[in-house]
Amino acid sequence: KNIRPEVPVILCTGFSEKIVQGKANGSI
């Protein structure tokens, strides 16, 4: 996202969405 903010990114995880959003540090 720092290189190309507009590119769509899908993150796949086994963790809860809340944990992931908390870790994403502004680069959700």
mmCIF file of all heavy atoms, coordinates in Angstrom:
data_MODEL
# 
_entry.id   MODEL 
# 
loop_
_atom_site.group_PDB 
_atom_site.id 
_atom_site.type_symbol 
_atom_site.label_atom_id 
_atom_site.label_alt_id 
_atom_site.label_comp_id 
_atom_site.label_asym_id 
_atom_site.label_entity_id 
_atom_site.label_seq_id 
_atom_site.pdbx_PDB_ins_code 
_atom_site.Cartn_x 
_atom_site.Cartn_y 
_atom_site.Cartn_z 
_atom_site.occupancy 
_atom_site.B_iso_or_equiv 
_atom_site.pdbx_formal_charge 
_atom_site.auth_seq_id 
_atom_site.auth_comp_id 
_atom_site.auth_asym_id 
_atom_site.auth_atom_id 
_atom_site.pdbx_PDB_model_num 
ATOM 1   N N   . LYS A 1 1  ? 0.828   -1.213  0.000  1.00 0.00 ? 1  LYS A N   1 
ATOM 2   C CA  . LYS A 1 1  ? 0.000   0.000   0.000  1.00 0.00 ? 1  LYS A CA  1 
ATOM 3   C C   . LYS A 1 1  ? 0.867   1.270   0.000  1.00 0.00 ? 1  LYS A C   1 
ATOM 4   O O   . LYS A 1 1  ? 0.444   2.296   -0.520 1.00 0.00 ? 1  LYS A O   1 
ATOM 5   C CB  . LYS A 1 1  ? -0.960  0.008   1.191  1.00 0.00 ? 1  LYS A CB  1 
ATOM 6   C CG  . LYS A 1 1  ? -2.066  -1.037  1.090  1.00 0.00 ? 1  LYS A CG  1 
ATOM 7   C CD  . LYS A 1 1  ? -3.085  -0.660  0.044  1.00 0.00 ? 1  LYS A CD  1 
ATOM 8   C CE  . LYS A 1 1  ? -4.324  -1.518  0.102  1.00 0.00 ? 1  LYS A CE  1 
ATOM 9   N NZ  . LYS A 1 1  ? -5.304  -1.141  -0.915 1.00 0.00 ? 1  LYS A NZ  1 
ATOM 10  N N   . ASN A 1 2  ? 2.076   1.195   0.567  1.00 0.00 ? 2  ASN A N   1 
ATOM 11  C CA  . ASN A 1 2  ? 3.005   2.333   0.512  1.00 0.00 ? 2  ASN A CA  1 
ATOM 12  C C   . ASN A 1 2  ? 3.461   2.590   -0.923 1.00 0.00 ? 2  ASN A C   1 
ATOM 13  O O   . ASN A 1 2  ? 3.668   3.723   -1.320 1.00 0.00 ? 2  ASN A O   1 
ATOM 14  C CB  . ASN A 1 2  ? 4.237   2.090   1.389  1.00 0.00 ? 2  ASN A CB  1 
ATOM 15  C CG  . ASN A 1 2  ? 3.947   2.311   2.857  1.00 0.00 ? 2  ASN A CG  1 
ATOM 16  O OD1 . ASN A 1 2  ? 2.954   2.952   3.216  1.00 0.00 ? 2  ASN A OD1 1 
ATOM 17  N ND2 . ASN A 1 2  ? 4.790   1.767   3.713  1.00 0.00 ? 2  ASN A ND2 1 
ATOM 18  N N   . ILE A 1 3  ? 3.622   1.512   -1.684 1.00 0.00 ? 3  ILE A N   1 
ATOM 19  C CA  . ILE A 1 3  ? 4.083   1.622   -3.077 1.00 0.00 ? 3  ILE A CA  1 
ATOM 20  C C   . ILE A 1 3  ? 2.930   2.031   -3.985 1.00 0.00 ? 3  ILE A C   1 
ATOM 21  O O   . ILE A 1 3  ? 3.072   2.908   -4.828 1.00 0.00 ? 3  ILE A O   1 
ATOM 22  C CB  . ILE A 1 3  ? 4.685   0.273   -3.549 1.00 0.00 ? 3  ILE A CB  1 
ATOM 23  C CG1 . ILE A 1 3  ? 5.920   -0.080  -2.708 1.00 0.00 ? 3  ILE A CG1 1 
ATOM 24  C CG2 . ILE A 1 3  ? 5.047   0.338   -5.037 1.00 0.00 ? 3  ILE A CG2 1 
ATOM 25  C CD1 . ILE A 1 3  ? 6.371   -1.519  -2.837 1.00 0.00 ? 3  ILE A CD1 1 
ATOM 26  N N   . ARG A 1 4  ? 1.780   1.371   -3.822 1.00 0.00 ? 4  ARG A N   1 
ATOM 27  C CA  . ARG A 1 4  ? 0.620   1.602   -4.691 1.00 0.00 ? 4  ARG A CA  1 
ATOM 28  C C   . ARG A 1 4  ? -0.660  1.522   -3.867 1.00 0.00 ? 4  ARG A C   1 
ATOM 29  O O   . ARG A 1 4  ? -1.300  0.475   -3.785 1.00 0.00 ? 4  ARG A O   1 
ATOM 30  C CB  . ARG A 1 4  ? 0.599   0.522   -5.771 1.00 0.00 ? 4  ARG A CB  1 
ATOM 31  C CG  . ARG A 1 4  ? 0.474   1.075   -7.173 1.00 0.00 ? 4  ARG A CG  1 
ATOM 32  C CD  . ARG A 1 4  ? 0.375   -0.004  -8.209 1.00 0.00 ? 4  ARG A CD  1 
ATOM 33  N NE  . ARG A 1 4  ? -0.972  0.003   -8.766 1.00 0.00 ? 4  ARG A NE  1 
ATOM 34  C CZ  . ARG A 1 4  ? -1.554  -1.033  -9.318 1.00 0.00 ? 4  ARG A CZ  1 
ATOM 35  N NH1 . ARG A 1 4  ? -0.927  -2.181  -9.403 1.00 0.00 ? 4  ARG A NH1 1 
ATOM 36  N NH2 . ARG A 1 4  ? -2.769  -0.937  -9.803 1.00 0.00 ? 4  ARG A NH2 1 
ATOM 37  N N   . PRO A 1 5  ? -1.055  2.640   -3.253 1.00 0.00 ? 5  PRO A N   1 
ATOM 38  C CA  . PRO A 1 5  ? -2.198  2.636   -2.325 1.00 0.00 ? 5  PRO A CA  1 
ATOM 39  C C   . PRO A 1 5  ? -3.512  2.150   -2.934 1.00 0.00 ? 5  PRO A C   1 
ATOM 40  O O   . PRO A 1 5  ? -4.362  1.621   -2.235 1.00 0.00 ? 5  PRO A O   1 
ATOM 41  C CB  . PRO A 1 5  ? -2.325  4.097   -1.894 1.00 0.00 ? 5  PRO A CB  1 
ATOM 42  C CG  . PRO A 1 5  ? -1.053  4.758   -2.287 1.00 0.00 ? 5  PRO A CG  1 
ATOM 43  C CD  . PRO A 1 5  ? -0.444  3.954   -3.395 1.00 0.00 ? 5  PRO A CD  1 
ATOM 44  N N   . GLU A 1 6  ? -3.677  2.307   -4.248 1.00 0.00 ? 6  GLU A N   1 
ATOM 45  C CA  . GLU A 1 6  ? -4.966  1.983   -4.867 1.00 0.00 ? 6  GLU A CA  1 
ATOM 46  C C   . GLU A 1 6  ? -5.130  0.500   -5.215 1.00 0.00 ? 6  GLU A C   1 
ATOM 47  O O   . GLU A 1 6  ? -6.227  0.062   -5.544 1.00 0.00 ? 6  GLU A O   1 
ATOM 48  C CB  . GLU A 1 6  ? -5.190  2.845   -6.120 1.00 0.00 ? 6  GLU A CB  1 
ATOM 49  C CG  . GLU A 1 6  ? -4.435  2.393   -7.365 1.00 0.00 ? 6  GLU A CG  1 
ATOM 50  C CD  . GLU A 1 6  ? -2.938  2.707   -7.398 1.00 0.00 ? 6  GLU A CD  1 
ATOM 51  O OE1 . GLU A 1 6  ? -2.403  3.290   -6.427 1.00 0.00 ? 6  GLU A OE1 1 
ATOM 52  O OE2 . GLU A 1 6  ? -2.299  2.350   -8.394 1.00 0.00 ? 6  GLU A OE2 1 
ATOM 53  N N   . VAL A 1 7  ? -4.048  -0.274  -5.161 1.00 0.00 ? 7  VAL A N   1 
ATOM 54  C CA  . VAL A 1 7  ? -4.161  -1.688  -5.549 1.00 0.00 ? 7  VAL A CA  1 
ATOM 55  C C   . VAL A 1 7  ? -4.962  -2.449  -4.474 1.00 0.00 ? 7  VAL A C   1 
ATOM 56  O O   . VAL A 1 7  ? -4.691  -2.322  -3.288 1.00 0.00 ? 7  VAL A O   1 
ATOM 57  C CB  . VAL A 1 7  ? -2.777  -2.344  -5.796 1.00 0.00 ? 7  VAL A CB  1 
ATOM 58  C CG1 . VAL A 1 7  ? -2.005  -2.605  -4.513 1.00 0.00 ? 7  VAL A CG1 1 
ATOM 59  C CG2 . VAL A 1 7  ? -2.924  -3.644  -6.567 1.00 0.00 ? 7  VAL A CG2 1 
ATOM 60  N N   . PRO A 1 8  ? -6.007  -3.206  -4.909 1.00 0.00 ? 8  PRO A N   1 
ATOM 61  C CA  . PRO A 1 8  ? -6.791  -3.950  -3.928 1.00 0.00 ? 8  PRO A CA  1 
ATOM 62  C C   . PRO A 1 8  ? -5.994  -5.124  -3.355 1.00 0.00 ? 8  PRO A C   1 
ATOM 63  O O   . PRO A 1 8  ? -5.306  -5.827  -4.087 1.00 0.00 ? 8  PRO A O   1 
ATOM 64  C CB  . PRO A 1 8  ? -7.996  -4.462  -4.721 1.00 0.00 ? 8  PRO A CB  1 
ATOM 65  C CG  . PRO A 1 8  ? -7.871  -3.946  -6.104 1.00 0.00 ? 8  PRO A CG  1 
ATOM 66  C CD  . PRO A 1 8  ? -6.527  -3.321  -6.259 1.00 0.00 ? 8  PRO A CD  1 
ATOM 67  N N   . VAL A 1 9  ? -6.105  -5.312  -2.029 1.00 0.00 ? 9  VAL A N   1 
ATOM 68  C CA  . VAL A 1 9  ? -5.394  -6.395  -1.352 1.00 0.00 ? 9  VAL A CA  1 
ATOM 69  C C   . VAL A 1 9  ? -6.378  -7.194  -0.499 1.00 0.00 ? 9  VAL A C   1 
ATOM 70  O O   . VAL A 1 9  ? -7.159  -6.619  0.254  1.00 0.00 ? 9  VAL A O   1 
ATOM 71  C CB  . VAL A 1 9  ? -4.260  -5.859  -0.447 1.00 0.00 ? 9  VAL A CB  1 
ATOM 72  C CG1 . VAL A 1 9  ? -3.545  -7.004  0.247  1.00 0.00 ? 9  VAL A CG1 1 
ATOM 73  C CG2 . VAL A 1 9  ? -3.265  -5.034  -1.244 1.00 0.00 ? 9  VAL A CG2 1 
ATOM 74  N N   . ILE A 1 10 ? -6.322  -8.519  -0.658 1.00 0.00 ? 10 ILE A N   1 
ATOM 75  C CA  . ILE A 1 10 ? -7.118  -9.435  0.156  1.00 0.00 ? 10 ILE A CA  1 
ATOM 76  C C   . ILE A 1 10 ? -6.157  -10.151 1.107  1.00 0.00 ? 10 ILE A C   1 
ATOM 77  O O   . ILE A 1 10 ? -5.157  -10.714 0.676  1.00 0.00 ? 10 ILE A O   1 
ATOM 78  C CB  . ILE A 1 10 ? -7.843  -10.481 -0.721 1.00 0.00 ? 10 ILE A CB  1 
ATOM 79  C CG1 . ILE A 1 10 ? -8.804  -9.793  -1.694 1.00 0.00 ? 10 ILE A CG1 1 
ATOM 80  C CG2 . ILE A 1 10 ? -8.583  -11.493 0.160  1.00 0.00 ? 10 ILE A CG2 1 
ATOM 81  C CD1 . ILE A 1 10 ? -9.384  -10.732 -2.763 1.00 0.00 ? 10 ILE A CD1 1 
ATOM 82  N N   . LEU A 1 11 ? -6.482  -10.107 2.391  1.00 0.00 ? 11 LEU A N   1 
ATOM 83  C CA  . LEU A 1 11 ? -5.672  -10.782 3.406  1.00 0.00 ? 11 LEU A CA  1 
ATOM 84  C C   . LEU A 1 11 ? -6.457  -11.992 3.914  1.00 0.00 ? 11 LEU A C   1 
ATOM 85  O O   . LEU A 1 11 ? -7.592  -11.850 4.369  1.00 0.00 ? 11 LEU A O   1 
ATOM 86  C CB  . LEU A 1 11 ? -5.368  -9.818  4.556  1.00 0.00 ? 11 LEU A CB  1 
ATOM 87  C CG  . LEU A 1 11 ? -4.495  -10.337 5.693  1.00 0.00 ? 11 LEU A CG  1 
ATOM 88  C CD1 . LEU A 1 11 ? -3.076  -10.640 5.209  1.00 0.00 ? 11 LEU A CD1 1 
ATOM 89  C CD2 . LEU A 1 11 ? -4.444  -9.332  6.829  1.00 0.00 ? 11 LEU A CD2 1 
ATOM 90  N N   . CYS A 1 12 ? -5.856  -13.178 3.801  1.00 0.00 ? 12 CYS A N   1 
ATOM 91  C CA  . CYS A 1 12 ? -6.504  -14.404 4.273  1.00 0.00 ? 12 CYS A CA  1 
ATOM 92  C C   . CYS A 1 12 ? -5.889  -14.803 5.610  1.00 0.00 ? 12 CYS A C   1 
ATOM 93  O O   . CYS A 1 12 ? -4.668  -14.814 5.750  1.00 0.00 ? 12 CYS A O   1 
ATOM 94  C CB  . CYS A 1 12 ? -6.291  -15.540 3.271  1.00 0.00 ? 12 CYS A CB  1 
ATOM 95  S SG  . CYS A 1 12 ? -6.977  -15.175 1.640  1.00 0.00 ? 12 CYS A SG  1 
ATOM 96  N N   . THR A 1 13 ? -6.736  -15.111 6.579  1.00 0.00 ? 13 THR A N   1 
ATOM 97  C CA  . THR A 1 13 ? -6.228  -15.400 7.909  1.00 0.00 ? 13 THR A CA  1 
ATOM 98  C C   . THR A 1 13 ? -7.114  -16.379 8.661  1.00 0.00 ? 13 THR A C   1 
ATOM 99  O O   . THR A 1 13 ? -8.311  -16.483 8.382  1.00 0.00 ? 13 THR A O   1 
ATOM 100 C CB  . THR A 1 13 ? -6.078  -14.101 8.734  1.00 0.00 ? 13 THR A CB  1 
ATOM 101 O OG1 . THR A 1 13 ? -5.561  -14.418 10.019 1.00 0.00 ? 13 THR A OG1 1 
ATOM 102 C CG2 . THR A 1 13 ? -7.412  -13.392 8.897  1.00 0.00 ? 13 THR A CG2 1 
ATOM 103 N N   . GLY A 1 14 ? -6.515  -17.064 9.604  1.00 0.00 ? 14 GLY A N   1 
ATOM 104 C CA  . GLY A 1 14 ? -7.273  -17.925 10.505 1.00 0.00 ? 14 GLY A CA  1 
ATOM 105 C C   . GLY A 1 14 ? -7.595  -17.200 11.793 1.00 0.00 ? 14 GLY A C   1 
ATOM 106 O O   . GLY A 1 14 ? -8.305  -17.706 12.642 1.00 0.00 ? 14 GLY A O   1 
ATOM 107 N N   . PHE A 1 15 ? -7.051  -15.986 11.956 1.00 0.00 ? 15 PHE A N   1 
ATOM 108 C CA  . PHE A 1 15 ? -7.291  -15.191 13.156 1.00 0.00 ? 15 PHE A CA  1 
ATOM 109 C C   . PHE A 1 15 ? -8.551  -14.358 13.002 1.00 0.00 ? 15 PHE A C   1 
ATOM 110 O O   . PHE A 1 15 ? -9.020  -14.132 11.892 1.00 0.00 ? 15 PHE A O   1 
ATOM 111 C CB  . PHE A 1 15 ? -6.107  -14.249 13.422 1.00 0.00 ? 15 PHE A CB  1 
ATOM 112 C CG  . PHE A 1 15 ? -4.832  -14.978 13.722 1.00 0.00 ? 15 PHE A CG  1 
ATOM 113 C CD1 . PHE A 1 15 ? -3.832  -15.035 12.775 1.00 0.00 ? 15 PHE A CD1 1 
ATOM 114 C CD2 . PHE A 1 15 ? -4.638  -15.613 14.926 1.00 0.00 ? 15 PHE A CD2 1 
ATOM 115 C CE1 . PHE A 1 15 ? -2.650  -15.716 13.025 1.00 0.00 ? 15 PHE A CE1 1 
ATOM 116 C CE2 . PHE A 1 15 ? -3.467  -16.301 15.202 1.00 0.00 ? 15 PHE A CE2 1 
ATOM 117 C CZ  . PHE A 1 15 ? -2.461  -16.352 14.245 1.00 0.00 ? 15 PHE A CZ  1 
ATOM 118 N N   . SER A 1 16 ? -9.052  -13.847 14.092 1.00 0.00 ? 16 SER A N   1 
ATOM 119 C CA  . SER A 1 16 ? -10.264 -13.032 14.006 1.00 0.00 ? 16 SER A CA  1 
ATOM 120 C C   . SER A 1 16 ? -9.967  -11.708 13.322 1.00 0.00 ? 16 SER A C   1 
ATOM 121 O O   . SER A 1 16 ? -8.854  -11.183 13.387 1.00 0.00 ? 16 SER A O   1 
ATOM 122 C CB  . SER A 1 16 ? -10.843 -12.789 15.398 1.00 0.00 ? 16 SER A CB  1 
ATOM 123 O OG  . SER A 1 16 ? -10.423 -11.564 15.911 1.00 0.00 ? 16 SER A OG  1 
ATOM 124 N N   . GLU A 1 17 ? -10.993 -11.178 12.670 1.00 0.00 ? 17 GLU A N   1 
ATOM 125 C CA  . GLU A 1 17 ? -10.857 -9.936  11.918 1.00 0.00 ? 17 GLU A CA  1 
ATOM 126 C C   . GLU A 1 17 ? -10.416 -8.783  12.825 1.00 0.00 ? 17 GLU A C   1 
ATOM 127 O O   . GLU A 1 17 ? -9.631  -7.938  12.435 1.00 0.00 ? 17 GLU A O   1 
ATOM 128 C CB  . GLU A 1 17 ? -12.205 -9.611  11.268 1.00 0.00 ? 17 GLU A CB  1 
ATOM 129 C CG  . GLU A 1 17 ? -12.060 -8.890  9.963  1.00 0.00 ? 17 GLU A CG  1 
ATOM 130 C CD  . GLU A 1 17 ? -13.357 -8.855  9.162  1.00 0.00 ? 17 GLU A CD  1 
ATOM 131 O OE1 . GLU A 1 17 ? -13.947 -9.916  8.910  1.00 0.00 ? 17 GLU A OE1 1 
ATOM 132 O OE2 . GLU A 1 17 ? -13.745 -7.742  8.807  1.00 0.00 ? 17 GLU A OE2 1 
ATOM 133 N N   . LYS A 1 18 ? -10.898 -8.768  14.064 1.00 0.00 ? 18 LYS A N   1 
ATOM 134 C CA  . LYS A 1 18 ? -10.528 -7.692  15.006 1.00 0.00 ? 18 LYS A CA  1 
ATOM 135 C C   . LYS A 1 18 ? -9.031  -7.690  15.284 1.00 0.00 ? 18 LYS A C   1 
ATOM 136 O O   . LYS A 1 18 ? -8.401  -6.652  15.322 1.00 0.00 ? 18 LYS A O   1 
ATOM 137 C CB  . LYS A 1 18 ? -11.309 -7.842  16.311 1.00 0.00 ? 18 LYS A CB  1 
ATOM 138 C CG  . LYS A 1 18 ? -12.756 -7.427  16.188 1.00 0.00 ? 18 LYS A CG  1 
ATOM 139 C CD  . LYS A 1 18 ? -13.412 -7.386  17.559 1.00 0.00 ? 18 LYS A CD  1 
ATOM 140 C CE  . LYS A 1 18 ? -14.802 -6.833  17.437 1.00 0.00 ? 18 LYS A CE  1 
ATOM 141 N NZ  . LYS A 1 18 ? -15.853 -7.842  17.579 1.00 0.00 ? 18 LYS A NZ  1 
ATOM 142 N N   . ILE A 1 19 ? -8.480  -8.863  15.474 1.00 0.00 ? 19 ILE A N   1 
ATOM 143 C CA  . ILE A 1 19 ? -7.036  -8.977  15.735 1.00 0.00 ? 19 ILE A CA  1 
ATOM 144 C C   . ILE A 1 19 ? -6.261  -8.443  14.535 1.00 0.00 ? 19 ILE A C   1 
ATOM 145 O O   . ILE A 1 19 ? -5.336  -7.659  14.677 1.00 0.00 ? 19 ILE A O   1 
ATOM 146 C CB  . ILE A 1 19 ? -6.635  -10.450 16.016 1.00 0.00 ? 19 ILE A CB  1 
ATOM 147 C CG1 . ILE A 1 19 ? -7.218  -10.903 17.353 1.00 0.00 ? 19 ILE A CG1 1 
ATOM 148 C CG2 . ILE A 1 19 ? -5.117  -10.615 16.007 1.00 0.00 ? 19 ILE A CG2 1 
ATOM 149 C CD1 . ILE A 1 19 ? -7.083  -12.386 17.625 1.00 0.00 ? 19 ILE A CD1 1 
ATOM 150 N N   . VAL A 1 20 ? -6.678  -8.853  13.353 1.00 0.00 ? 20 VAL A N   1 
ATOM 151 C CA  . VAL A 1 20 ? -5.990  -8.436  12.130 1.00 0.00 ? 20 VAL A CA  1 
ATOM 152 C C   . VAL A 1 20 ? -6.086  -6.922  11.957 1.00 0.00 ? 20 VAL A C   1 
ATOM 153 O O   . VAL A 1 20 ? -5.100  -6.260  11.678 1.00 0.00 ? 20 VAL A O   1 
ATOM 154 C CB  . VAL A 1 20 ? -6.583  -9.164  10.901 1.00 0.00 ? 20 VAL A CB  1 
ATOM 155 C CG1 . VAL A 1 20 ? -5.983  -8.617  9.619  1.00 0.00 ? 20 VAL A CG1 1 
ATOM 156 C CG2 . VAL A 1 20 ? -6.319  -10.655 11.010 1.00 0.00 ? 20 VAL A CG2 1 
ATOM 157 N N   . GLN A 1 21 ? -7.271  -6.351  12.143 1.00 0.00 ? 21 GLN A N   1 
ATOM 158 C CA  . GLN A 1 21 ? -7.425  -4.905  11.981 1.00 0.00 ? 21 GLN A CA  1 
ATOM 159 C C   . GLN A 1 21 ? -6.582  -4.158  13.007 1.00 0.00 ? 21 GLN A C   1 
ATOM 160 O O   . GLN A 1 21 ? -6.026  -3.116  12.720 1.00 0.00 ? 21 GLN A O   1 
ATOM 161 C CB  . GLN A 1 21 ? -8.897  -4.516  12.081 1.00 0.00 ? 21 GLN A CB  1 
ATOM 162 C CG  . GLN A 1 21 ? -9.641  -4.886  10.819 1.00 0.00 ? 21 GLN A CG  1 
ATOM 163 C CD  . GLN A 1 21 ? -11.140 -4.650  10.920 1.00 0.00 ? 21 GLN A CD  1 
ATOM 164 O OE1 . GLN A 1 21 ? -11.690 -4.524  12.002 1.00 0.00 ? 21 GLN A OE1 1 
ATOM 165 N NE2 . GLN A 1 21 ? -11.792 -4.610  9.780  1.00 0.00 ? 21 GLN A NE2 1 
ATOM 166 N N   . GLY A 1 22 ? -6.471  -4.703  14.192 1.00 0.00 ? 22 GLY A N   1 
ATOM 167 C CA  . GLY A 1 22 ? -5.633  -4.089  15.218 1.00 0.00 ? 22 GLY A CA  1 
ATOM 168 C C   . GLY A 1 22 ? -4.164  -4.101  14.828 1.00 0.00 ? 22 GLY A C   1 
ATOM 169 O O   . GLY A 1 22 ? -3.440  -3.157  15.101 1.00 0.00 ? 22 GLY A O   1 
ATOM 170 N N   . LYS A 1 23 ? -3.735  -5.169  14.171 1.00 0.00 ? 23 LYS A N   1 
ATOM 171 C CA  . LYS A 1 23 ? -2.337  -5.304  13.768 1.00 0.00 ? 23 LYS A CA  1 
ATOM 172 C C   . LYS A 1 23 ? -2.009  -4.526  12.501 1.00 0.00 ? 23 LYS A C   1 
ATOM 173 O O   . LYS A 1 23 ? -0.853  -4.280  12.207 1.00 0.00 ? 23 LYS A O   1 
ATOM 174 C CB  . LYS A 1 23 ? -2.012  -6.780  13.489 1.00 0.00 ? 23 LYS A CB  1 
ATOM 175 C CG  . LYS A 1 23 ? -1.740  -7.600  14.706 1.00 0.00 ? 23 LYS A CG  1 
ATOM 176 C CD  . LYS A 1 23 ? -1.291  -8.972  14.262 1.00 0.00 ? 23 LYS A CD  1 
ATOM 177 C CE  . LYS A 1 23 ? -0.447  -9.623  15.328 1.00 0.00 ? 23 LYS A CE  1 
ATOM 178 N NZ  . LYS A 1 23 ? 0.043   -10.925 14.902 1.00 0.00 ? 23 LYS A NZ  1 
ATOM 179 N N   . ALA A 1 24 ? -3.023  -4.187  11.739 1.00 0.00 ? 24 ALA A N   1 
ATOM 180 C CA  . ALA A 1 24 ? -2.779  -3.632  10.409 1.00 0.00 ? 24 ALA A CA  1 
ATOM 181 C C   . ALA A 1 24 ? -2.138  -2.244  10.440 1.00 0.00 ? 24 ALA A C   1 
ATOM 182 O O   . ALA A 1 24 ? -1.589  -1.802  9.439  1.00 0.00 ? 24 ALA A O   1 
ATOM 183 C CB  . ALA A 1 24 ? -4.083  -3.590  9.619  1.00 0.00 ? 24 ALA A CB  1 
ATOM 184 N N   . ASN A 1 25 ? -2.193  -1.566  11.573 1.00 0.00 ? 25 ASN A N   1 
ATOM 185 C CA  . ASN A 1 25 ? -1.487  -0.284  11.733 1.00 0.00 ? 25 ASN A CA  1 
ATOM 186 C C   . ASN A 1 25 ? -1.702  0.698   10.587 1.00 0.00 ? 25 ASN A C   1 
ATOM 187 O O   . ASN A 1 25 ? -0.758  1.188   9.991  1.00 0.00 ? 25 ASN A O   1 
ATOM 188 C CB  . ASN A 1 25 ? 0.022   -0.514  11.894 1.00 0.00 ? 25 ASN A CB  1 
ATOM 189 C CG  . ASN A 1 25 ? 0.327   -1.357  13.111 1.00 0.00 ? 25 ASN A CG  1 
ATOM 190 O OD1 . ASN A 1 25 ? -0.383  -1.288  14.106 1.00 0.00 ? 25 ASN A OD1 1 
ATOM 191 N ND2 . ASN A 1 25 ? 1.368   -2.155  13.033 1.00 0.00 ? 25 ASN A ND2 1 
ATOM 192 N N   . GLY A 1 26 ? -2.948  0.946   10.251 1.00 0.00 ? 26 GLY A N   1 
ATOM 193 C CA  . GLY A 1 26 ? -3.213  1.957   9.236  1.00 0.00 ? 26 GLY A CA  1 
ATOM 194 C C   . GLY A 1 26 ? -3.065  1.480   7.810  1.00 0.00 ? 26 GLY A C   1 
ATOM 195 O O   . GLY A 1 26 ? -3.326  2.223   6.889  1.00 0.00 ? 26 GLY A O   1 
ATOM 196 N N   . SER A 1 27 ? -2.614  0.257   7.611  1.00 0.00 ? 27 SER A N   1 
ATOM 197 C CA  . SER A 1 27 ? -2.509  -0.265  6.248  1.00 0.00 ? 27 SER A CA  1 
ATOM 198 C C   . SER A 1 27 ? -3.476  -1.430  6.122  1.00 0.00 ? 27 SER A C   1 
ATOM 199 O O   . SER A 1 27 ? -3.095  -2.555  5.884  1.00 0.00 ? 27 SER A O   1 
ATOM 200 C CB  . SER A 1 27 ? -1.083  -0.711  5.946  1.00 0.00 ? 27 SER A CB  1 
ATOM 201 O OG  . SER A 1 27 ? -0.708  -1.704  6.868  1.00 0.00 ? 27 SER A OG  1 
ATOM 202 N N   . ILE A 1 28 ? -4.740  -1.137  6.337  1.00 0.00 ? 28 ILE A N   1 
ATOM 203 C CA  . ILE A 1 28 ? -5.754  -2.179  6.364  1.00 0.00 ? 28 ILE A CA  1 
ATOM 204 C C   . ILE A 1 28 ? -5.999  -2.710  4.953  1.00 0.00 ? 28 ILE A C   1 
ATOM 205 O O   . ILE A 1 28 ? -6.128  -1.930  4.013  1.00 0.00 ? 28 ILE A O   1 
ATOM 206 C CB  . ILE A 1 28 ? -7.054  -1.636  6.992  1.00 0.00 ? 28 ILE A CB  1 
ATOM 207 C CG1 . ILE A 1 28 ? -6.787  -1.295  8.467  1.00 0.00 ? 28 ILE A CG1 1 
ATOM 208 C CG2 . ILE A 1 28 ? -8.187  -2.628  6.878  1.00 0.00 ? 28 ILE A CG2 1 
ATOM 209 C CD1 . ILE A 1 28 ? -7.903  -0.567  9.141  1.00 0.00 ? 28 ILE A CD1 1 
# 
